[in-house]
Amino acid sequence: MSNKKNLSAEETDLTRRKLLTSAGILAAGGMLSGAVKADEKCAVKAKPAWDKPFTGEIPEKLPEGYNILLVVTDQERFFPTFPFPVPGRERLMKTGVTFCNHQNTSNVCTPSRSVLYTGLHMPQTKMFDNLGLPWMPYDLDPALGT
C-alpha cells in the first residue's frame, strides 16, 4: 500500500489561476529566448559595410545611375540561417549588405513600400492601406520621385 494522500487545492496552494499564469510565463520566456538567440546569430554574421578600407580612387565625376539591387519580399519571416538551401540568396547576403535590425512604421505592404521607395512619411505619400480597397482610391503619385 502506498501512503499517497489526495491533496486539495488549498493544501497545495495551487489554483487554476496560478497554474495558467505560470504556464503563460514559461511560454513567453521560451519565445523571448528564441528571439534573443536569433539576434545573437544575426549580430555574429552581420558585418558593417565599412569593414574593408576603400583602396580605389574617387572619380572627378560620378557615373550616371546607380548600381543598387533592392530586394523586397512579402510575407516572409526572418531566418538568421536558412533551414533549407538558398544559394542565390546566400550569395547576395555574403557579397552585399544585409540589414538584421530594422523597423518599419507600418506592417501593411503599400504604406511600407511607399516610405521605402520615396523616403517620405506615410501622410506625405498618402498611402495608408493596401491599394485596390474602396477607401484607397488613388495610387502613389509619380511626382513624389524616388
C-alpha atoms as a PDB file:
ATOM      1  CA  MET A   1       0.000   0.000   0.000  1.00  0.00           C
ATOM      2  CA  SER A   2       1.144   3.494  -0.715  1.00  0.00           C
ATOM      3  CA  ASN A   3       0.915   6.481   1.552  1.00  0.00           C
ATOM      4  CA  LYS A   4      -0.478   8.739  -1.181  1.00  0.00           C
ATOM      5  CA  LYS A   5      -2.858  11.355   0.053  1.00  0.00           C
ATOM      6  CA  ASN A   6      -5.362  13.248  -2.099  1.00  0.00           C
ATOM      7  CA  LEU A   7      -4.490  16.894  -1.554  1.00  0.00           C
ATOM      8  CA  SER A   8      -6.932  19.689  -2.198  1.00  0.00           C
ATOM      9  CA  ALA A   9      -6.032  22.947  -3.973  1.00  0.00           C
ATOM     10  CA  GLU A  10      -5.891  24.755  -0.628  1.00  0.00           C
ATOM     11  CA  GLU A  11      -3.401  22.244   0.761  1.00  0.00           C
ATOM     12  CA  THR A  12      -1.057  22.504  -2.244  1.00  0.00           C
ATOM     13  CA  ASP A  13      -1.617  26.250  -2.654  1.00  0.00           C
ATOM     14  CA  LEU A  14      -2.011  25.633  -6.410  1.00  0.00           C
ATOM     15  CA  THR A  15      -5.004  27.218  -8.067  1.00  0.00           C
ATOM     16  CA  ARG A  16      -6.051  27.179 -11.671  1.00  0.00           C
ATOM     17  CA  ARG A  17      -5.137  30.857 -11.954  1.00  0.00           C
ATOM     18  CA  LYS A  18      -1.601  30.238 -10.650  1.00  0.00           C
ATOM     19  CA  LEU A  19      -1.163  27.277 -12.984  1.00  0.00           C
ATOM     20  CA  LEU A  20      -2.262  29.258 -16.061  1.00  0.00           C
ATOM     21  CA  THR A  21      -0.147  32.260 -15.053  1.00  0.00           C
ATOM     22  CA  SER A  22       2.921  30.051 -14.636  1.00  0.00           C
ATOM     23  CA  ALA A  23       2.295  28.362 -17.987  1.00  0.00           C
ATOM     24  CA  GLY A  24       1.979  31.762 -19.672  1.00  0.00           C
ATOM     25  CA  ILE A  25       5.232  32.976 -18.132  1.00  0.00           C
ATOM     26  CA  LEU A  26       7.037  29.823 -19.266  1.00  0.00           C
ATOM     27  CA  ALA A  27       5.675  30.167 -22.808  1.00  0.00           C
ATOM     28  CA  ALA A  28       6.664  33.853 -23.014  1.00  0.00           C
ATOM     29  CA  GLY A  29      10.132  33.044 -21.690  1.00  0.00           C
ATOM     30  CA  GLY A  30      10.556  30.361 -24.328  1.00  0.00           C
ATOM     31  CA  MET A  31       9.581  32.743 -27.113  1.00  0.00           C
ATOM     32  CA  LEU A  32      11.861  35.503 -25.824  1.00  0.00           C
ATOM     33  CA  SER A  33      14.846  33.183 -25.594  1.00  0.00           C
ATOM     34  CA  GLY A  34      14.390  32.310 -29.281  1.00  0.00           C
ATOM     35  CA  ALA A  35      14.295  35.995 -30.206  1.00  0.00           C
ATOM     36  CA  VAL A  36      17.499  36.658 -28.279  1.00  0.00           C
ATOM     37  CA  LYS A  37      19.217  33.718 -29.994  1.00  0.00           C
ATOM     38  CA  ALA A  38      18.126  34.983 -33.432  1.00  0.00           C
ATOM     39  CA  ASP A  39      19.504  38.435 -32.625  1.00  0.00           C
ATOM     40  CA  GLU A  40      22.805  36.916 -31.434  1.00  0.00           C
ATOM     41  CA  LYS A  41      23.146  34.858 -34.625  1.00  0.00           C
ATOM     42  CA  CYS A  42      22.470  37.908 -36.754  1.00  0.00           C
ATOM     43  CA  ALA A  43      24.987  40.007 -34.831  1.00  0.00           C
ATOM     44  CA  VAL A  44      27.669  37.361 -35.318  1.00  0.00           C
ATOM     45  CA  LYS A  45      27.073  37.008 -39.070  1.00  0.00           C
ATOM     46  CA  ALA A  46      26.481  40.669 -39.897  1.00  0.00           C
ATOM     47  CA  LYS A  47      29.496  42.792 -40.732  1.00  0.00           C
ATOM     48  CA  PRO A  48      29.466  46.549 -41.133  1.00  0.00           C
ATOM     49  CA  ALA A  49      29.731  47.848 -44.676  1.00  0.00           C
ATOM     50  CA  TRP A  50      32.974  49.622 -43.779  1.00  0.00           C
ATOM     51  CA  ASP A  51      34.952  46.571 -42.560  1.00  0.00           C
ATOM     52  CA  LYS A  52      37.211  46.776 -45.644  1.00  0.00           C
ATOM     53  CA  PRO A  53      39.090  50.031 -46.213  1.00  0.00           C
ATOM     54  CA  PHE A  54      38.481  51.789 -49.502  1.00  0.00           C
ATOM     55  CA  THR A  55      41.529  51.399 -51.744  1.00  0.00           C
ATOM     56  CA  GLY A  56      40.219  52.828 -55.011  1.00  0.00           C
ATOM     57  CA  GLU A  57      40.256  56.316 -56.421  1.00  0.00           C
ATOM     58  CA  ILE A  58      37.287  58.652 -56.274  1.00  0.00           C
ATOM     59  CA  PRO A  59      36.497  59.832 -59.808  1.00  0.00           C
ATOM     60  CA  GLU A  60      36.136  63.529 -60.587  1.00  0.00           C
ATOM     61  CA  LYS A  61      32.614  62.954 -61.897  1.00  0.00           C
ATOM     62  CA  LEU A  62      30.416  60.096 -60.730  1.00  0.00           C
ATOM     63  CA  PRO A  63      28.899  57.909 -63.449  1.00  0.00           C
ATOM     64  CA  GLU A  64      25.225  58.275 -64.284  1.00  0.00           C
ATOM     65  CA  GLY A  65      22.820  55.995 -62.448  1.00  0.00           C
ATOM     66  CA  TYR A  66      23.320  53.694 -59.514  1.00  0.00           C
ATOM     67  CA  ASN A  67      24.340  50.084 -59.086  1.00  0.00           C
ATOM     68  CA  ILE A  68      21.952  49.116 -56.293  1.00  0.00           C
ATOM     69  CA  LEU A  69      19.828  45.985 -56.072  1.00  0.00           C
ATOM     70  CA  LEU A  70      16.998  46.359 -53.551  1.00  0.00           C
ATOM     71  CA  VAL A  71      15.223  43.079 -52.809  1.00  0.00           C
ATOM     72  CA  VAL A  72      11.774  43.487 -51.232  1.00  0.00           C
ATOM     73  CA  THR A  73       9.751  40.402 -50.326  1.00  0.00           C
ATOM     74  CA  ASP A  74       6.290  39.914 -48.894  1.00  0.00           C
ATOM     75  CA  GLN A  75       5.090  37.751 -46.003  1.00  0.00           C
ATOM     76  CA  GLU A  76       8.457  36.286 -45.185  1.00  0.00           C
ATOM     77  CA  ARG A  77       9.889  35.812 -41.727  1.00  0.00           C
ATOM     78  CA  PHE A  78      13.486  36.424 -40.713  1.00  0.00           C
ATOM     79  CA  PHE A  79      15.880  33.469 -40.740  1.00  0.00           C
ATOM     80  CA  PRO A  80      19.346  34.095 -39.262  1.00  0.00           C
ATOM     81  CA  THR A  81      20.345  30.923 -41.103  1.00  0.00           C
ATOM     82  CA  PHE A  82      18.039  29.324 -43.628  1.00  0.00           C
ATOM     83  CA  PRO A  83      16.645  25.862 -42.783  1.00  0.00           C
ATOM     84  CA  PHE A  84      16.958  24.917 -46.459  1.00  0.00           C
ATOM     85  CA  PRO A  85      19.469  25.723 -49.214  1.00  0.00           C
ATOM     86  CA  VAL A  86      19.000  29.058 -50.996  1.00  0.00           C
ATOM     87  CA  PRO A  87      22.332  29.554 -52.773  1.00  0.00           C
ATOM     88  CA  GLY A  88      21.358  32.693 -54.712  1.00  0.00           C
ATOM     89  CA  ARG A  89      20.148  34.483 -51.616  1.00  0.00           C
ATOM     90  CA  GLU A  90      23.140  33.345 -49.571  1.00  0.00           C
ATOM     91  CA  ARG A  91      25.489  34.683 -52.277  1.00  0.00           C
ATOM     92  CA  LEU A  92      23.709  38.065 -52.209  1.00  0.00           C
ATOM     93  CA  MET A  93      23.977  38.179 -48.416  1.00  0.00           C
ATOM     94  CA  LYS A  94      27.717  37.394 -48.493  1.00  0.00           C
ATOM     95  CA  THR A  95      28.605  39.942 -51.164  1.00  0.00           C
ATOM     96  CA  GLY A  96      26.134  42.680 -50.241  1.00  0.00           C
ATOM     97  CA  VAL A  97      24.764  44.473 -47.212  1.00  0.00           C
ATOM     98  CA  THR A  98      22.118  42.735 -45.101  1.00  0.00           C
ATOM     99  CA  PHE A  99      20.087  44.626 -42.514  1.00  0.00           C
ATOM    100  CA  CYS A 100      19.348  42.491 -39.457  1.00  0.00           C
ATOM    101  CA  ASN A 101      17.921  45.139 -37.130  1.00  0.00           C
ATOM    102  CA  HIS A 102      15.479  47.402 -38.901  1.00  0.00           C
ATOM    103  CA  GLN A 103      11.990  48.706 -38.205  1.00  0.00           C
ATOM    104  CA  ASN A 104       9.151  49.961 -40.340  1.00  0.00           C
ATOM    105  CA  THR A 105       6.260  52.244 -39.478  1.00  0.00           C
ATOM    106  CA  SER A 106       3.557  50.069 -40.980  1.00  0.00           C
ATOM    107  CA  ASN A 107       3.307  46.337 -41.461  1.00  0.00           C
ATOM    108  CA  VAL A 108       0.873  46.829 -44.328  1.00  0.00           C
ATOM    109  CA  CYS A 109       2.687  46.401 -47.665  1.00  0.00           C
ATOM    110  CA  THR A 110       1.741  49.542 -49.602  1.00  0.00           C
ATOM    111  CA  PRO A 111       2.498  52.127 -46.862  1.00  0.00           C
ATOM    112  CA  SER A 112       5.811  50.458 -46.002  1.00  0.00           C
ATOM    113  CA  ARG A 113       6.914  50.333 -49.608  1.00  0.00           C
ATOM    114  CA  SER A 114       5.812  53.910 -50.319  1.00  0.00           C
ATOM    115  CA  VAL A 115       8.028  55.122 -47.458  1.00  0.00           C
ATOM    116  CA  LEU A 116      10.921  52.936 -48.602  1.00  0.00           C
ATOM    117  CA  TYR A 117      10.676  53.994 -52.250  1.00  0.00           C
ATOM    118  CA  THR A 118      10.227  57.745 -51.699  1.00  0.00           C
ATOM    119  CA  GLY A 119      11.919  58.481 -48.370  1.00  0.00           C
ATOM    120  CA  LEU A 120       8.789  60.376 -47.301  1.00  0.00           C
ATOM    121  CA  HIS A 121       6.402  59.676 -44.425  1.00  0.00           C
ATOM    122  CA  MET A 122       3.015  57.996 -44.936  1.00  0.00           C
ATOM    123  CA  PRO A 123       0.996  61.240 -44.638  1.00  0.00           C
ATOM    124  CA  GLN A 124       3.111  62.688 -47.451  1.00  0.00           C
ATOM    125  CA  THR A 125       2.737  59.660 -49.739  1.00  0.00           C
ATOM    126  CA  LYS A 126      -0.990  59.312 -48.866  1.00  0.00           C
ATOM    127  CA  MET A 127      -0.582  55.539 -48.787  1.00  0.00           C
ATOM    128  CA  PHE A 128      -2.350  54.440 -45.589  1.00  0.00           C
ATOM    129  CA  ASP A 129      -3.507  50.966 -46.644  1.00  0.00           C
ATOM    130  CA  ASN A 130      -3.099  48.465 -49.451  1.00  0.00           C
ATOM    131  CA  LEU A 131      -4.219  49.576 -52.895  1.00  0.00           C
ATOM    132  CA  GLY A 132      -7.390  48.256 -54.506  1.00  0.00           C
ATOM    133  CA  LEU A 133      -9.559  48.841 -51.448  1.00  0.00           C
ATOM    134  CA  PRO A 134     -12.618  51.142 -51.620  1.00  0.00           C
ATOM    135  CA  TRP A 135     -11.087  53.670 -49.213  1.00  0.00           C
ATOM    136  CA  MET A 136      -7.810  53.825 -51.198  1.00  0.00           C
ATOM    137  CA  PRO A 137      -8.960  55.388 -54.491  1.00  0.00           C
ATOM    138  CA  TYR A 138      -5.539  56.660 -55.644  1.00  0.00           C
ATOM    139  CA  ASP A 139      -2.081  55.325 -56.483  1.00  0.00           C
ATOM    140  CA  LEU A 140       1.340  56.532 -55.409  1.00  0.00           C
ATOM    141  CA  ASP A 141       1.941  59.886 -57.072  1.00  0.00           C
ATOM    142  CA  PRO A 142       4.843  59.558 -59.567  1.00  0.00           C
ATOM    143  CA  ALA A 143       5.695  63.227 -58.959  1.00  0.00           C
ATOM    144  CA  LEU A 144       6.974  62.289 -55.478  1.00  0.00           C
ATOM    145  CA  GLY A 145      10.099  60.773 -57.010  1.00  0.00           C
ATOM    146  CA  THR A 146      12.346  58.126 -55.550  1.00  0.00           C
END
